[in-house]
């Protein structure tokens, strides 16, 4: 008889655990990764707002007001994959990071490195390239997205990985 009670209790506990897991999955509200502010959904088919801090050869502001460089090409390619048009905002790195924190930018580029002092203010992508500096040091290149916008971050990282430059 005690075997039967133990078995019933175990089955009851198992059902309770399964119900708890189902409730947690339902409460999470959908697919992962998610953006807390819905950035990727807003950008897709719309406008990708990109802050550009000049840092040749990664980014460069041209006399005609356009931008060029290795990271500009990468972000232009990313925008195309989500049917978005990039809107470039040139500025100093610190100004662009603050604009991103205010919600005015979706991505910041400009030769940012993995040891960026902004890593507590924004989300940095995984390194997509490694560069050797003139003094022989190795730097891992990254881009920035707003904190909490995980679907955007993953989509950008996936694009960077498919360019063949991801580290």
N, C-alpha and C. Protein backbone atom coordinates (compact mmCIF):
# COMPACT_ATOMS: atom_id res chain seq x y z
N UNK A 1 0.80 -1.18 0.00
CA UNK A 1 0.00 0.00 0.00
C UNK A 1 0.86 1.27 0.00
N UNK A 2 1.93 1.30 0.76
CA UNK A 2 2.76 2.49 0.77
C UNK A 2 3.39 2.73 -0.60
N UNK A 3 3.67 1.67 -1.35
CA UNK A 3 4.20 1.82 -2.70
C UNK A 3 3.21 2.60 -3.57
N UNK A 4 1.93 2.24 -3.47
CA UNK A 4 0.90 2.90 -4.26
C UNK A 4 0.78 4.39 -3.91
N UNK A 5 0.84 4.74 -2.63
CA UNK A 5 0.76 6.14 -2.22
C UNK A 5 1.97 6.93 -2.71
N UNK A 6 3.15 6.32 -2.65
CA UNK A 6 4.35 6.98 -3.13
C UNK A 6 4.24 7.23 -4.62
N UNK A 7 3.72 6.24 -5.33
CA UNK A 7 3.58 6.38 -6.78
C UNK A 7 2.58 7.48 -7.13
N UNK A 8 1.49 7.57 -6.43
CA UNK A 8 0.49 8.60 -6.67
C UNK A 8 1.09 9.97 -6.37
N UNK A 9 1.79 10.08 -5.27
CA UNK A 9 2.40 11.36 -4.91
C UNK A 9 3.41 11.77 -5.98
N UNK A 10 4.20 10.86 -6.45
CA UNK A 10 5.18 11.15 -7.47
C UNK A 10 4.50 11.59 -8.76
N UNK A 11 3.44 10.92 -9.15
CA UNK A 11 2.70 11.29 -10.36
C UNK A 11 2.07 12.67 -10.18
N UNK A 12 1.51 12.94 -9.01
CA UNK A 12 0.91 14.24 -8.72
C UNK A 12 1.97 15.34 -8.80
N UNK A 13 3.12 15.08 -8.22
CA UNK A 13 4.21 16.06 -8.29
C UNK A 13 4.65 16.28 -9.73
N UNK A 14 4.73 15.23 -10.50
CA UNK A 14 5.13 15.34 -11.90
C UNK A 14 4.14 16.20 -12.68
N UNK A 15 2.86 15.98 -12.45
CA UNK A 15 1.82 16.77 -13.12
C UNK A 15 1.94 18.23 -12.70
N UNK A 16 2.17 18.47 -11.44
CA UNK A 16 2.30 19.85 -10.94
C UNK A 16 3.50 20.55 -11.58
N UNK A 17 4.60 19.84 -11.70
CA UNK A 17 5.79 20.42 -12.34
C UNK A 17 5.51 20.73 -13.80
N UNK A 18 4.87 19.80 -14.51
CA UNK A 18 4.55 20.02 -15.93
C UNK A 18 3.60 21.21 -16.11
N UNK A 19 2.61 21.32 -15.23
CA UNK A 19 1.71 22.46 -15.31
C UNK A 19 2.44 23.77 -15.04
N UNK A 20 3.34 23.76 -14.08
CA UNK A 20 4.12 24.96 -13.78
C UNK A 20 4.98 25.37 -14.97
N UNK A 21 5.60 24.39 -15.61
CA UNK A 21 6.41 24.69 -16.79
C UNK A 21 5.56 25.25 -17.92
N UNK A 22 4.39 24.69 -18.11
CA UNK A 22 3.49 25.17 -19.16
C UNK A 22 3.06 26.60 -18.89
N UNK A 23 2.75 26.91 -17.64
CA UNK A 23 2.37 28.27 -17.28
C UNK A 23 3.51 29.25 -17.49
N UNK A 24 4.71 28.84 -17.13
CA UNK A 24 5.88 29.71 -17.34
C UNK A 24 6.09 29.96 -18.83
N UNK A 25 5.99 28.95 -19.65
CA UNK A 25 6.17 29.11 -21.08
C UNK A 25 5.12 30.04 -21.66
N UNK A 26 3.89 29.92 -21.20
CA UNK A 26 2.82 30.79 -21.67
C UNK A 26 3.04 32.22 -21.22
N UNK A 27 3.49 32.42 -20.00
CA UNK A 27 3.70 33.75 -19.46
C UNK A 27 4.83 34.47 -20.17
N UNK A 28 5.78 33.73 -20.70
CA UNK A 28 6.91 34.36 -21.38
C UNK A 28 6.47 35.03 -22.67
N UNK A 29 5.37 34.63 -23.24
CA UNK A 29 4.75 35.37 -24.32
C UNK A 29 5.35 35.23 -25.69
N UNK A 30 5.97 34.16 -26.02
CA UNK A 30 6.34 34.00 -27.41
C UNK A 30 7.77 33.62 -27.64
N UNK A 31 8.20 33.83 -28.88
CA UNK A 31 9.51 33.36 -29.30
C UNK A 31 10.65 34.15 -28.66
N UNK A 32 11.78 33.51 -28.59
CA UNK A 32 12.99 34.14 -28.08
C UNK A 32 14.00 34.14 -29.20
N UNK A 33 14.90 35.05 -29.29
CA UNK A 33 15.02 36.20 -28.40
C UNK A 33 13.96 37.26 -28.73
N UNK A 34 13.70 38.12 -27.75
CA UNK A 34 12.72 39.19 -27.91
C UNK A 34 13.39 40.55 -27.67
N UNK A 35 12.77 41.57 -28.21
CA UNK A 35 13.18 42.94 -27.94
C UNK A 35 12.22 43.54 -26.93
N UNK A 36 12.74 44.19 -25.91
CA UNK A 36 11.86 44.80 -24.92
C UNK A 36 11.05 45.95 -25.52
N UNK A 37 11.62 46.64 -26.52
CA UNK A 37 10.91 47.75 -27.15
C UNK A 37 10.46 47.44 -28.58
N UNK A 38 10.61 46.19 -29.03
CA UNK A 38 10.15 45.80 -30.35
C UNK A 38 10.94 46.38 -31.50
N UNK A 39 12.22 46.62 -31.30
CA UNK A 39 13.04 47.28 -32.32
C UNK A 39 13.06 46.54 -33.66
N UNK A 40 13.34 45.25 -33.64
CA UNK A 40 13.45 44.53 -34.91
C UNK A 40 12.15 44.56 -35.68
N UNK A 41 11.02 44.42 -35.00
CA UNK A 41 9.72 44.50 -35.68
C UNK A 41 9.51 45.89 -36.28
N UNK A 42 9.89 46.94 -35.56
CA UNK A 42 9.72 48.31 -36.05
C UNK A 42 10.62 48.59 -37.24
N UNK A 43 11.84 48.08 -37.20
CA UNK A 43 12.83 48.33 -38.24
C UNK A 43 12.51 47.55 -39.51
N UNK A 44 12.07 46.30 -39.37
CA UNK A 44 11.82 45.45 -40.52
C UNK A 44 10.80 46.10 -41.45
N UNK A 45 11.22 46.31 -42.69
CA UNK A 45 10.36 46.96 -43.67
C UNK A 45 10.29 48.46 -43.49
N UNK A 46 11.14 49.00 -42.62
CA UNK A 46 11.11 50.44 -42.33
C UNK A 46 12.50 51.05 -42.38
N UNK A 47 12.88 51.71 -41.28
CA UNK A 47 14.14 52.45 -41.22
C UNK A 47 15.01 51.92 -40.09
N UNK A 48 16.28 51.67 -40.41
CA UNK A 48 17.30 51.29 -39.43
C UNK A 48 18.10 52.55 -39.12
N UNK A 49 17.98 53.05 -37.90
CA UNK A 49 18.65 54.29 -37.50
C UNK A 49 20.05 53.96 -36.99
N UNK A 50 21.06 54.43 -37.73
CA UNK A 50 22.45 54.05 -37.47
C UNK A 50 23.29 55.27 -37.12
N UNK A 51 23.91 55.22 -35.94
CA UNK A 51 24.87 56.24 -35.54
C UNK A 51 26.24 55.87 -36.08
N UNK A 52 26.93 56.85 -36.68
CA UNK A 52 28.22 56.60 -37.31
C UNK A 52 29.27 57.55 -36.72
N UNK A 53 30.22 56.97 -36.00
CA UNK A 53 31.35 57.73 -35.48
C UNK A 53 32.53 57.48 -36.43
N UNK A 54 33.09 58.54 -36.97
CA UNK A 54 34.14 58.38 -37.98
C UNK A 54 35.37 57.70 -37.39
N UNK A 55 35.80 56.66 -38.10
CA UNK A 55 36.98 55.89 -37.70
C UNK A 55 37.42 55.08 -38.92
N UNK A 56 38.18 55.71 -39.79
CA UNK A 56 38.65 55.09 -41.04
C UNK A 56 39.55 53.91 -40.68
N UNK A 57 39.42 52.75 -41.31
CA UNK A 57 38.64 52.39 -42.50
C UNK A 57 37.24 51.86 -42.19
N UNK A 58 36.86 51.82 -40.92
CA UNK A 58 35.58 51.24 -40.53
C UNK A 58 34.41 52.12 -40.97
N UNK A 59 34.56 53.42 -40.73
CA UNK A 59 33.51 54.38 -41.08
C UNK A 59 34.18 55.69 -41.51
N UNK A 60 33.53 56.38 -42.44
CA UNK A 60 34.07 57.64 -42.92
C UNK A 60 32.92 58.52 -43.41
N UNK A 61 32.92 59.77 -43.00
CA UNK A 61 31.94 60.74 -43.50
C UNK A 61 32.54 61.42 -44.72
N UNK A 62 31.80 61.38 -45.83
CA UNK A 62 32.28 61.95 -47.08
C UNK A 62 31.80 63.39 -47.24
N UNK A 63 32.47 64.13 -48.10
CA UNK A 63 32.14 65.55 -48.31
C UNK A 63 30.71 65.77 -48.75
N UNK A 64 30.13 64.80 -49.47
CA UNK A 64 28.77 64.97 -49.97
C UNK A 64 27.70 64.63 -48.92
N UNK A 65 28.14 64.34 -47.67
CA UNK A 65 27.20 64.02 -46.60
C UNK A 65 26.90 62.54 -46.45
N UNK A 66 27.39 61.73 -47.38
CA UNK A 66 27.17 60.29 -47.28
C UNK A 66 28.25 59.67 -46.39
N UNK A 67 28.10 58.39 -46.12
CA UNK A 67 29.06 57.67 -45.30
C UNK A 67 29.58 56.47 -46.08
N UNK A 68 30.77 56.03 -45.72
CA UNK A 68 31.39 54.89 -46.39
C UNK A 68 32.21 54.13 -45.36
N UNK A 69 32.71 52.99 -45.77
CA UNK A 69 33.59 52.21 -44.92
C UNK A 69 33.11 50.78 -44.77
N UNK A 70 33.97 50.01 -44.18
CA UNK A 70 33.72 48.58 -44.01
C UNK A 70 32.45 48.30 -43.21
N UNK A 71 32.28 49.00 -42.08
CA UNK A 71 31.09 48.77 -41.26
C UNK A 71 29.83 49.34 -41.91
N UNK A 72 29.96 50.41 -42.65
CA UNK A 72 28.82 50.96 -43.39
C UNK A 72 28.32 49.90 -44.37
N UNK A 73 29.25 49.24 -45.07
CA UNK A 73 28.86 48.17 -46.01
C UNK A 73 28.17 47.02 -45.29
N UNK A 74 28.70 46.63 -44.13
CA UNK A 74 28.09 45.53 -43.37
C UNK A 74 26.68 45.87 -42.90
N UNK A 75 26.50 47.08 -42.40
CA UNK A 75 25.17 47.49 -41.90
C UNK A 75 24.20 47.67 -43.07
N UNK A 76 24.68 48.17 -44.20
CA UNK A 76 23.82 48.29 -45.38
C UNK A 76 23.34 46.90 -45.80
N UNK A 77 24.23 45.92 -45.77
CA UNK A 77 23.85 44.55 -46.09
C UNK A 77 22.85 43.99 -45.10
N UNK A 78 23.05 44.28 -43.82
CA UNK A 78 22.11 43.83 -42.79
C UNK A 78 20.73 44.44 -43.03
N UNK A 79 20.70 45.75 -43.29
CA UNK A 79 19.42 46.43 -43.53
C UNK A 79 18.68 45.78 -44.70
N UNK A 80 19.41 45.41 -45.73
CA UNK A 80 18.78 44.77 -46.89
C UNK A 80 18.13 43.44 -46.51
N UNK A 81 18.73 42.71 -45.58
CA UNK A 81 18.17 41.41 -45.19
C UNK A 81 16.85 41.54 -44.45
N UNK A 82 16.59 42.71 -43.87
CA UNK A 82 15.33 42.92 -43.15
C UNK A 82 14.45 43.96 -43.86
N UNK A 83 14.79 44.20 -45.13
CA UNK A 83 14.00 45.12 -45.96
C UNK A 83 13.88 46.50 -45.32
N UNK A 84 15.00 47.00 -44.80
CA UNK A 84 15.02 48.31 -44.15
C UNK A 84 15.97 49.24 -44.88
N UNK A 85 15.73 50.53 -44.73
CA UNK A 85 16.62 51.56 -45.27
C UNK A 85 17.42 52.15 -44.13
N UNK A 86 18.76 52.17 -44.25
CA UNK A 86 19.54 52.80 -43.19
C UNK A 86 19.43 54.33 -43.23
N UNK A 87 19.30 54.92 -42.06
CA UNK A 87 19.30 56.37 -41.90
C UNK A 87 20.53 56.69 -41.04
N UNK A 88 21.54 57.33 -41.65
CA UNK A 88 22.83 57.53 -41.01
C UNK A 88 22.85 58.82 -40.21
N UNK A 89 23.33 58.73 -38.97
CA UNK A 89 23.50 59.91 -38.10
C UNK A 89 24.96 59.98 -37.68
N UNK A 90 25.72 60.92 -38.26
CA UNK A 90 27.12 61.05 -37.85
C UNK A 90 27.22 61.77 -36.51
N UNK A 91 28.29 61.46 -35.79
CA UNK A 91 28.50 62.14 -34.51
C UNK A 91 29.65 61.53 -33.74
N UNK A 92 29.95 62.15 -32.64
CA UNK A 92 30.98 61.63 -31.74
C UNK A 92 30.45 60.38 -31.05
N UNK A 93 31.32 59.46 -30.78
CA UNK A 93 30.93 58.18 -30.16
C UNK A 93 30.10 58.39 -28.90
N UNK A 94 30.52 59.28 -28.02
CA UNK A 94 29.78 59.50 -26.76
C UNK A 94 28.39 60.04 -27.04
N UNK A 95 28.24 60.96 -28.00
CA UNK A 95 26.92 61.50 -28.35
C UNK A 95 26.01 60.41 -28.91
N UNK A 96 26.57 59.55 -29.74
CA UNK A 96 25.78 58.49 -30.35
C UNK A 96 25.32 57.46 -29.32
N UNK A 97 26.18 57.13 -28.38
CA UNK A 97 25.80 56.18 -27.33
C UNK A 97 24.66 56.76 -26.49
N UNK A 98 24.74 58.04 -26.16
CA UNK A 98 23.67 58.68 -25.39
C UNK A 98 22.37 58.73 -26.21
N UNK A 99 22.47 58.97 -27.51
CA UNK A 99 21.29 58.96 -28.38
C UNK A 99 20.67 57.57 -28.41
N UNK A 100 21.52 56.54 -28.41
CA UNK A 100 21.01 55.17 -28.39
C UNK A 100 20.29 54.90 -27.07
N UNK A 101 20.86 55.34 -25.98
CA UNK A 101 20.22 55.14 -24.67
C UNK A 101 18.87 55.85 -24.59
N UNK A 102 18.72 56.98 -25.29
CA UNK A 102 17.44 57.70 -25.33
C UNK A 102 16.43 57.03 -26.26
N UNK A 103 16.89 56.06 -27.05
CA UNK A 103 16.00 55.38 -27.98
C UNK A 103 15.98 55.98 -29.37
N UNK A 104 16.95 56.84 -29.69
CA UNK A 104 16.98 57.51 -30.98
C UNK A 104 17.75 56.75 -32.05
N UNK A 105 18.54 55.75 -31.67
CA UNK A 105 19.34 54.97 -32.62
C UNK A 105 19.16 53.47 -32.37
N UNK A 106 19.31 52.70 -33.44
CA UNK A 106 19.19 51.25 -33.35
C UNK A 106 20.54 50.55 -33.34
N UNK A 107 21.51 51.13 -34.01
CA UNK A 107 22.86 50.55 -34.11
C UNK A 107 23.84 51.71 -34.08
N UNK A 108 25.00 51.48 -33.45
CA UNK A 108 26.10 52.45 -33.49
C UNK A 108 27.32 51.72 -34.01
N UNK A 109 27.97 52.35 -35.01
CA UNK A 109 29.20 51.80 -35.59
C UNK A 109 30.28 52.88 -35.57
N UNK A 110 31.52 52.43 -35.70
CA UNK A 110 32.62 53.38 -35.73
C UNK A 110 33.91 52.77 -35.21
N UNK A 111 34.16 51.52 -35.55
CA UNK A 111 35.38 50.89 -35.10
C UNK A 111 35.39 50.59 -33.61
N UNK A 112 34.21 50.29 -33.06
CA UNK A 112 34.14 49.92 -31.64
C UNK A 112 34.85 48.60 -31.41
N UNK A 113 35.47 48.46 -30.24
CA UNK A 113 36.16 47.21 -29.91
C UNK A 113 35.48 46.52 -28.74
N UNK A 114 35.76 45.24 -28.60
CA UNK A 114 35.12 44.42 -27.57
C UNK A 114 35.41 44.94 -26.16
N UNK A 115 36.50 45.66 -25.97
CA UNK A 115 36.81 46.21 -24.64
C UNK A 115 36.31 47.65 -24.51
N UNK A 116 35.29 47.99 -25.26
CA UNK A 116 34.71 49.33 -25.27
C UNK A 116 34.27 49.76 -23.87
N UNK A 117 34.51 51.01 -23.52
CA UNK A 117 34.05 51.51 -22.23
C UNK A 117 32.52 51.64 -22.18
N UNK A 118 31.85 51.48 -23.32
CA UNK A 118 30.39 51.61 -23.39
C UNK A 118 29.68 50.29 -23.12
N UNK A 119 30.39 49.24 -22.80
CA UNK A 119 29.78 47.91 -22.68
C UNK A 119 28.72 47.81 -21.59
N UNK A 120 28.69 48.73 -20.64
CA UNK A 120 27.64 48.73 -19.61
C UNK A 120 26.45 49.58 -20.02
N UNK A 121 26.62 50.38 -21.06
CA UNK A 121 25.58 51.29 -21.52
C UNK A 121 24.76 50.71 -22.69
N UNK A 122 25.40 49.86 -23.49
CA UNK A 122 24.78 49.30 -24.69
C UNK A 122 25.15 47.82 -24.79
N UNK A 123 24.47 47.12 -25.68
CA UNK A 123 24.81 45.72 -25.95
C UNK A 123 25.79 45.68 -27.12
N UNK A 124 26.88 44.98 -26.95
CA UNK A 124 27.86 44.85 -28.01
C UNK A 124 27.69 43.50 -28.70
N UNK A 125 27.82 43.51 -30.02
CA UNK A 125 27.75 42.25 -30.76
C UNK A 125 28.95 41.39 -30.40
N UNK A 126 28.86 40.14 -30.79
CA UNK A 126 30.06 39.30 -30.73
C UNK A 126 31.06 39.89 -31.71
N UNK A 127 32.35 39.70 -31.46
CA UNK A 127 33.34 40.22 -32.42
C UNK A 127 33.10 39.66 -33.82
N UNK A 128 33.15 40.53 -34.81
CA UNK A 128 32.95 40.08 -36.19
C UNK A 128 34.25 40.14 -36.99
N UNK A 129 35.27 40.79 -36.45
CA UNK A 129 36.57 40.88 -37.12
C UNK A 129 37.64 41.11 -36.07
N UNK A 130 38.86 40.73 -36.41
CA UNK A 130 40.01 40.99 -35.56
C UNK A 130 40.98 41.85 -36.33
N UNK A 131 41.47 42.88 -35.68
CA UNK A 131 42.37 43.84 -36.32
C UNK A 131 43.65 43.92 -35.50
N UNK A 132 44.78 43.98 -36.19
CA UNK A 132 46.06 44.17 -35.52
C UNK A 132 46.40 45.65 -35.61
N UNK A 133 46.61 46.26 -34.46
CA UNK A 133 46.91 47.69 -34.40
C UNK A 133 48.37 47.94 -34.81
N UNK A 134 48.73 49.19 -35.10
CA UNK A 134 50.13 49.50 -35.46
C UNK A 134 51.15 49.07 -34.41
N UNK A 135 50.74 49.03 -33.14
CA UNK A 135 51.68 48.60 -32.09
C UNK A 135 51.66 47.10 -31.87
N UNK A 136 50.98 46.35 -32.75
CA UNK A 136 50.98 44.89 -32.68
C UNK A 136 49.92 44.27 -31.80
N UNK A 137 49.09 45.08 -31.17
CA UNK A 137 48.01 44.56 -30.33
C UNK A 137 46.86 44.06 -31.22
N UNK A 138 46.09 43.10 -30.69
CA UNK A 138 44.94 42.58 -31.42
C UNK A 138 43.67 43.16 -30.82
N UNK A 139 42.80 43.70 -31.67
CA UNK A 139 41.52 44.24 -31.23
C UNK A 139 40.40 43.47 -31.92
N UNK A 140 39.36 43.17 -31.15
CA UNK A 140 38.18 42.50 -31.70
C UNK A 140 37.11 43.56 -31.96
N UNK A 141 36.65 43.63 -33.20
CA UNK A 141 35.72 44.66 -33.63
C UNK A 141 34.28 44.24 -33.36
N UNK A 142 33.46 45.20 -32.87
CA UNK A 142 32.06 44.94 -32.53
C UNK A 142 31.21 46.12 -32.99
N UNK A 143 29.90 45.96 -32.92
CA UNK A 143 28.94 47.04 -33.14
C UNK A 143 28.05 47.10 -31.90
N UNK A 144 27.29 48.17 -31.75
CA UNK A 144 26.45 48.35 -30.56
C UNK A 144 24.98 48.42 -30.94
N UNK A 145 24.15 47.84 -30.07
CA UNK A 145 22.69 47.94 -30.15
C UNK A 145 22.18 48.31 -28.76
N UNK A 146 20.93 48.75 -28.65
CA UNK A 146 20.42 49.10 -27.32
C UNK A 146 20.32 47.87 -26.40
N UNK A 147 20.52 48.09 -25.12
CA UNK A 147 20.32 47.03 -24.13
C UNK A 147 18.88 46.52 -24.21
N UNK A 148 18.70 45.22 -24.10
CA UNK A 148 17.36 44.62 -24.07
C UNK A 148 16.77 44.33 -25.43
N UNK A 149 17.38 44.81 -26.48
CA UNK A 149 16.86 44.56 -27.83
C UNK A 149 17.55 43.33 -28.40
N UNK A 150 17.23 42.19 -27.79
CA UNK A 150 17.94 40.94 -28.07
C UNK A 150 17.67 40.37 -29.45
N UNK A 151 16.46 40.50 -29.96
CA UNK A 151 16.17 40.00 -31.31
C UNK A 151 16.97 40.79 -32.34
N UNK A 152 17.05 42.10 -32.16
CA UNK A 152 17.86 42.93 -33.05
C UNK A 152 19.32 42.53 -32.97
N UNK A 153 19.83 42.36 -31.76
CA UNK A 153 21.22 41.97 -31.57
C UNK A 153 21.52 40.64 -32.25
N UNK A 154 20.66 39.65 -32.05
CA UNK A 154 20.88 38.33 -32.65
C UNK A 154 20.79 38.40 -34.17
N UNK A 155 19.84 39.16 -34.70
CA UNK A 155 19.71 39.29 -36.15
C UNK A 155 20.97 39.93 -36.74
N UNK A 156 21.49 40.97 -36.10
CA UNK A 156 22.71 41.62 -36.58
C UNK A 156 23.89 40.67 -36.48
N UNK A 157 24.02 39.98 -35.36
CA UNK A 157 25.12 39.01 -35.21
C UNK A 157 25.03 37.90 -36.24
N UNK A 158 23.84 37.44 -36.53
CA UNK A 158 23.66 36.38 -37.53
C UNK A 158 24.12 36.88 -38.89
N UNK A 159 23.75 38.11 -39.23
CA UNK A 159 24.20 38.68 -40.51
C UNK A 159 25.72 38.78 -40.55
N UNK A 160 26.31 39.29 -39.48
CA UNK A 160 27.77 39.43 -39.43
C UNK A 160 28.45 38.07 -39.57
N UNK A 161 27.86 37.04 -38.96
CA UNK A 161 28.42 35.69 -39.05
C UNK A 161 28.36 35.18 -40.49
N UNK A 162 27.32 35.55 -41.22
CA UNK A 162 27.17 35.08 -42.61
C UNK A 162 27.99 35.87 -43.61
N UNK A 163 28.60 36.97 -43.17
CA UNK A 163 29.46 37.73 -44.09
C UNK A 163 30.81 37.06 -44.24
N UNK A 164 31.09 36.08 -43.39
CA UNK A 164 32.38 35.40 -43.45
C UNK A 164 33.45 36.11 -42.63
N UNK A 165 33.10 37.21 -41.97
CA UNK A 165 34.07 37.94 -41.18
C UNK A 165 33.96 37.64 -39.70
N UNK A 166 32.89 36.99 -39.28
CA UNK A 166 32.68 36.75 -37.84
C UNK A 166 33.81 35.92 -37.27
N UNK A 167 34.16 36.23 -36.05
CA UNK A 167 35.27 35.53 -35.37
C UNK A 167 34.74 34.42 -34.50
